[in-house]
Amino acid sequence: MKFQYQNSYNIKEEIQRSKVAILPVGAVEAHGPHLPLGTDNFLAERLSDKLAEVVKGLVLPTLPYGQVWSLRHFPGSITVSNRSLISYIVDIGESLYHQGIEVFAMVNGHLGNGTALKEAARELYETCPEMKVLYLFYPGMNKAAEEVRETPSTHGTYFHACEIETSYMLYLAPELVQMEKAINDIPNIPMSADVTPTPWETFTKTAVLGDSTLATEDKGIYIIDIALKNMVQLIEAAKQEAGKN
C-alpha cells in the first residue's frame, strides 16, 4: 500500500494494521547510454512495491537523492552528503516511530548510500529502541549473480549499468531500458580504489562497469526473486522481534 495516497483519517488504522514502513532510497546519477539517471530510484521503488505486497507493508514516497560522490562529475549526477542523508532518514524514522511503526525497512537501490543508511539505523537504534530498522541492499545477490552472469565481475563490490543492473531493470522497469544503446565497457579498476577516494572518471568514461549487452530479463528475475525472498524473511523476523517488546 502506498503511504502517500492514504489520508490522515485512515492512516492511523493502516499503521496499526501493518506496523511496517518501507522506504525506497535511490539516487540520480549516470548509468551509461542505455539506462536513465533515475535507475536506482526505479529499482528501489518497484522492488519495494513487490516487497510490500508480501509483508503487507506501507511504501513511503521514494527518497530520490543519494550519495554519489564517485560519479558527481558525470552529466546528470546529483549528490548529497552522507551527513544530509543520515539526518533526513533519522527524521523520517523518528516520525514513523512516534506514529506506531514497529519495523522501518529501507530498500536501497544505490550502493553508495550504504554507509549513510547504516549510520542512520544506528542513530535510530538509540532514539527509537522499540523499532526494528533494516537497511536492505539486494541481500543474497552476490551468489545468485555469479550463478547467472556470463562475464566475470569487474569488482568485488561494484556493479553498475552492467550485465547485472541492466538485467534488474529489464525485469522491474523494462519500458525504461534502451537495449539498442547498451555497450560493453569493462574498465580496469585499480586496487587503490578500495582504500582511497577515487572518482570514477579516472577509470571509466561511460559509467558502465561491464557488458550490459548480455543483460536479460530472466537473469534479473532470478537474482531479484532471491533477494526479495531474503528481504521478506528479514522483515518477518523483525516483525516477530518487535512484537516481543
Protein backbone atom coordinates (compact mmCIF):
# COMPACT_ATOMS: atom_id res chain seq x y z
CA MET A 1 0.00 0.00 0.00
CA LYS A 2 1.28 3.46 -0.93
CA PHE A 3 1.57 5.63 2.18
CA GLN A 4 1.17 8.96 0.41
CA TYR A 5 -2.16 8.03 -1.18
CA GLN A 6 -3.80 7.50 2.21
CA ASN A 7 -5.42 10.32 4.16
CA SER A 8 -5.00 11.43 7.74
CA TYR A 9 -8.36 9.93 8.70
CA ASN A 10 -7.42 6.35 7.83
CA ILE A 11 -3.63 6.24 8.08
CA LYS A 12 -3.60 5.56 11.83
CA GLU A 13 -5.65 2.42 11.26
CA GLU A 14 -3.38 1.36 8.37
CA ILE A 15 -0.28 1.83 10.51
CA GLN A 16 -1.77 -0.28 13.28
CA ARG A 17 -2.73 -2.94 10.75
CA SER A 18 0.67 -3.10 9.09
CA LYS A 19 3.28 -1.69 11.51
CA VAL A 20 5.80 -1.95 8.64
CA ALA A 21 7.05 1.09 6.72
CA ILE A 22 9.20 0.60 3.63
CA LEU A 23 11.33 3.47 2.35
CA PRO A 24 12.75 3.19 -1.17
CA VAL A 25 16.09 5.02 -1.26
CA GLY A 26 17.70 5.74 -4.60
CA ALA A 27 19.87 8.26 -6.38
CA VAL A 28 20.14 10.35 -9.53
CA GLU A 29 23.32 9.54 -11.42
CA ALA A 30 24.84 8.49 -14.72
CA HIS A 31 24.03 4.95 -15.84
CA GLY A 32 25.54 4.83 -19.30
CA PRO A 33 23.70 5.46 -22.58
CA HIS A 34 21.02 2.80 -22.12
CA LEU A 35 19.63 3.41 -18.61
CA PRO A 36 18.01 6.54 -17.14
CA LEU A 37 19.54 8.77 -14.48
CA GLY A 38 16.85 7.61 -12.04
CA THR A 39 17.64 3.90 -12.41
CA ASP A 40 18.34 3.45 -8.69
CA ASN A 41 15.06 5.17 -7.82
CA PHE A 42 13.02 2.99 -10.14
CA LEU A 43 14.66 -0.20 -8.88
CA ALA A 44 14.22 0.71 -5.21
CA GLU A 45 10.61 1.76 -5.71
CA ARG A 46 9.45 -1.21 -7.73
CA LEU A 47 11.24 -3.68 -5.53
CA SER A 48 9.62 -2.01 -2.51
CA ASP A 49 6.20 -2.44 -4.11
CA LYS A 50 6.81 -6.16 -4.57
CA LEU A 51 8.07 -6.47 -1.01
CA ALA A 52 5.08 -4.62 0.41
CA GLU A 53 2.66 -6.98 -1.30
CA VAL A 54 4.14 -9.92 0.59
CA VAL A 55 4.74 -8.37 4.03
CA LYS A 56 1.65 -6.09 3.89
CA GLY A 57 3.81 -3.02 4.37
CA LEU A 58 3.27 0.66 3.70
CA VAL A 59 5.52 2.03 0.95
CA LEU A 60 6.70 5.55 1.66
CA PRO A 61 7.44 8.10 -1.08
CA THR A 62 10.84 7.40 -2.63
CA LEU A 63 13.85 9.29 -1.28
CA PRO A 64 15.28 10.16 -4.70
CA TYR A 65 18.71 11.64 -3.93
CA GLY A 66 21.73 9.77 -2.68
CA GLN A 67 25.43 10.00 -2.01
CA VAL A 68 27.00 9.73 -5.47
CA TRP A 69 30.39 11.31 -4.78
CA SER A 70 32.16 8.87 -7.09
CA LEU A 71 30.08 9.88 -10.13
CA ARG A 72 29.43 13.50 -9.25
CA HIS A 73 31.29 14.82 -12.29
CA PHE A 74 29.24 12.81 -14.81
CA PRO A 75 26.48 14.75 -16.58
CA GLY A 76 23.17 14.48 -14.73
CA SER A 77 24.53 13.16 -11.45
CA ILE A 78 23.21 14.82 -8.28
CA THR A 79 24.89 14.09 -4.97
CA VAL A 80 24.06 14.80 -1.33
CA SER A 81 26.39 14.31 1.60
CA ASN A 82 26.26 11.37 3.96
CA ARG A 83 25.50 13.87 6.75
CA SER A 84 22.43 15.17 4.91
CA LEU A 85 21.19 11.69 4.07
CA ILE A 86 21.65 10.44 7.64
CA SER A 87 19.79 13.39 9.14
CA TYR A 88 16.94 13.07 6.66
CA ILE A 89 16.45 9.36 7.29
CA VAL A 90 16.68 9.71 11.06
CA ASP A 91 13.98 12.40 10.98
CA ILE A 92 11.74 10.16 8.86
CA GLY A 93 12.34 7.17 11.10
CA GLU A 94 11.56 9.08 14.28
CA SER A 95 8.33 10.43 12.77
CA LEU A 96 7.24 6.92 11.88
CA TYR A 97 8.19 5.57 15.30
CA HIS A 98 6.05 8.11 17.10
CA GLN A 99 3.10 7.11 14.91
CA GLY A 100 3.34 3.44 15.77
CA ILE A 101 5.60 1.88 13.11
CA GLU A 102 7.45 -1.11 14.54
CA VAL A 103 9.58 -2.09 11.51
CA PHE A 104 11.28 0.53 9.33
CA ALA A 105 12.85 -1.09 6.26
CA MET A 106 15.00 0.94 3.89
CA VAL A 107 15.19 -0.62 0.44
CA ASN A 108 18.37 0.78 -1.07
CA GLY A 109 18.86 0.96 -4.83
CA HIS A 110 22.30 2.59 -4.72
CA LEU A 111 25.45 1.07 -3.24
CA GLY A 112 26.88 4.49 -2.36
CA ASN A 113 24.10 5.06 0.17
CA GLY A 114 25.19 2.11 2.29
CA THR A 115 27.33 3.98 4.80
CA ALA A 116 24.68 6.64 5.45
CA LEU A 117 21.86 4.12 5.83
CA LYS A 118 23.84 2.05 8.29
CA GLU A 119 24.72 5.11 10.36
CA ALA A 120 21.09 6.32 10.30
CA ALA A 121 19.98 2.89 11.52
CA ARG A 122 22.46 3.10 14.39
CA GLU A 123 21.13 6.52 15.42
CA LEU A 124 17.56 5.23 15.29
CA TYR A 125 18.61 2.24 17.38
CA GLU A 126 19.37 4.72 20.15
CA THR A 127 16.43 7.10 19.73
CA CYS A 128 13.73 4.57 18.77
CA PRO A 129 14.66 1.46 20.75
CA GLU A 130 11.41 -0.40 20.16
CA MET A 131 11.51 -0.03 16.36
CA LYS A 132 13.46 -2.50 14.24
CA VAL A 133 15.40 -0.75 11.47
CA LEU A 134 16.65 -2.63 8.43
CA TYR A 135 18.88 -1.40 5.60
CA LEU A 136 18.42 -3.74 2.66
CA PHE A 137 20.54 -3.89 -0.49
CA TYR A 138 19.65 -6.95 -2.59
CA PRO A 139 20.52 -9.49 0.16
CA GLY A 140 21.91 -12.70 -1.29
CA MET A 141 22.51 -11.19 -4.72
CA ASN A 142 26.24 -11.92 -4.96
CA LYS A 143 25.90 -15.69 -5.03
CA ALA A 144 22.85 -15.51 -7.30
CA ALA A 145 24.61 -13.16 -9.73
CA GLU A 146 27.59 -15.48 -10.01
CA GLU A 147 25.25 -18.30 -10.97
CA VAL A 148 23.81 -16.50 -13.99
CA ARG A 149 26.34 -13.96 -15.18
CA GLU A 150 28.26 -14.62 -18.40
CA THR A 151 31.18 -12.28 -17.67
CA PRO A 152 33.32 -12.01 -14.54
CA SER A 153 32.56 -9.17 -12.15
CA THR A 154 34.77 -6.13 -12.71
CA HIS A 155 34.99 -5.55 -8.96
CA GLY A 156 34.27 -7.42 -5.77
CA THR A 157 31.66 -4.88 -4.66
CA TYR A 158 30.73 -2.54 -7.51
CA PHE A 159 28.13 -3.33 -10.14
CA HIS A 160 26.78 -0.53 -12.25
CA ALA A 161 24.81 -0.26 -15.51
CA CYS A 162 26.29 -3.64 -16.35
CA GLU A 163 25.01 -7.13 -17.15
CA ILE A 164 23.54 -7.39 -13.65
CA GLU A 165 21.95 -4.00 -13.03
CA THR A 166 20.62 -3.82 -16.57
CA SER A 167 19.01 -7.23 -16.01
CA TYR A 168 17.35 -5.83 -12.89
CA MET A 169 15.89 -3.05 -14.97
CA LEU A 170 14.73 -5.42 -17.71
CA TYR A 171 12.72 -7.20 -15.03
CA LEU A 172 11.48 -4.32 -12.89
CA ALA A 173 11.31 -1.39 -15.34
CA PRO A 174 11.73 -2.74 -18.89
CA GLU A 175 10.00 0.21 -20.52
CA LEU A 176 12.87 2.45 -19.37
CA VAL A 177 15.69 0.39 -20.89
CA GLN A 178 17.13 1.16 -24.34
CA MET A 179 18.93 -2.09 -25.06
CA GLU A 180 19.85 -0.94 -28.56
CA LYS A 181 22.21 1.54 -26.84
CA ALA A 182 23.72 -0.99 -24.42
CA ILE A 183 27.52 -1.22 -24.52
CA ASN A 184 30.34 -3.44 -23.37
CA ASP A 185 32.79 -1.45 -21.26
CA ILE A 186 34.89 -3.43 -18.81
CA PRO A 187 37.21 -0.99 -17.00
CA ASN A 188 40.39 -1.76 -15.14
CA ILE A 189 39.55 -0.67 -11.61
CA PRO A 190 42.75 -0.16 -9.60
CA MET A 191 43.27 -1.80 -6.23
CA SER A 192 43.71 1.67 -4.76
CA ALA A 193 40.01 2.41 -5.39
CA ASP A 194 39.24 0.25 -2.35
CA VAL A 195 41.43 2.22 0.02
CA THR A 196 41.36 5.85 -1.12
CA PRO A 197 38.70 8.20 -2.59
CA THR A 198 38.66 7.54 -6.33
CA PRO A 199 36.38 9.45 -8.72
CA TRP A 200 35.06 7.04 -11.31
CA GLU A 201 36.11 9.20 -14.24
CA THR A 202 39.66 8.04 -13.51
CA PHE A 203 38.78 4.57 -14.80
CA THR A 204 35.58 4.90 -16.88
CA LYS A 205 34.17 7.45 -19.31
CA THR A 206 30.77 5.72 -19.61
CA ALA A 207 29.85 4.80 -16.01
CA VAL A 208 29.22 1.27 -17.29
CA LEU A 209 31.14 -1.40 -15.39
CA GLY A 210 30.74 -4.47 -17.56
CA ASP A 211 28.96 -5.89 -20.58
CA SER A 212 25.43 -4.55 -20.47
CA THR A 213 24.64 -6.16 -23.84
CA LEU A 214 24.40 -9.53 -22.06
CA ALA A 215 21.60 -8.41 -19.76
CA THR A 216 18.32 -10.34 -19.87
CA GLU A 217 15.04 -10.22 -18.03
CA ASP A 218 15.48 -13.85 -16.92
CA LYS A 219 18.75 -13.00 -15.14
CA GLY A 220 17.01 -10.13 -13.40
CA ILE A 221 14.11 -12.33 -12.32
CA TYR A 222 16.44 -14.98 -10.91
CA ILE A 223 18.53 -12.59 -8.80
CA ILE A 224 15.75 -10.25 -7.70
CA ASP A 225 13.45 -13.07 -6.64
CA ILE A 226 16.18 -14.49 -4.40
CA ALA A 227 16.86 -11.05 -2.91
CA LEU A 228 13.14 -10.50 -2.42
CA LYS A 229 12.71 -13.80 -0.60
CA ASN A 230 15.58 -12.88 1.74
CA MET A 231 14.09 -9.45 2.37
CA VAL A 232 10.75 -10.99 3.28
CA GLN A 233 12.43 -13.34 5.74
CA LEU A 234 14.34 -10.47 7.35
CA ILE A 235 11.23 -8.32 7.73
CA GLU A 236 9.11 -11.17 9.09
CA ALA A 237 11.80 -11.91 11.66
CA ALA A 238 11.95 -8.22 12.56
CA LYS A 239 8.16 -8.13 13.00
CA GLN A 240 8.32 -11.05 15.41
CA GLU A 241 11.15 -9.45 17.35
CA ALA A 242 9.34 -6.10 17.54
CA GLY A 243 6.18 -7.86 18.71
CA LYS A 244 8.02 -9.16 21.77
CA ASN A 245 8.69 -5.63 23.05
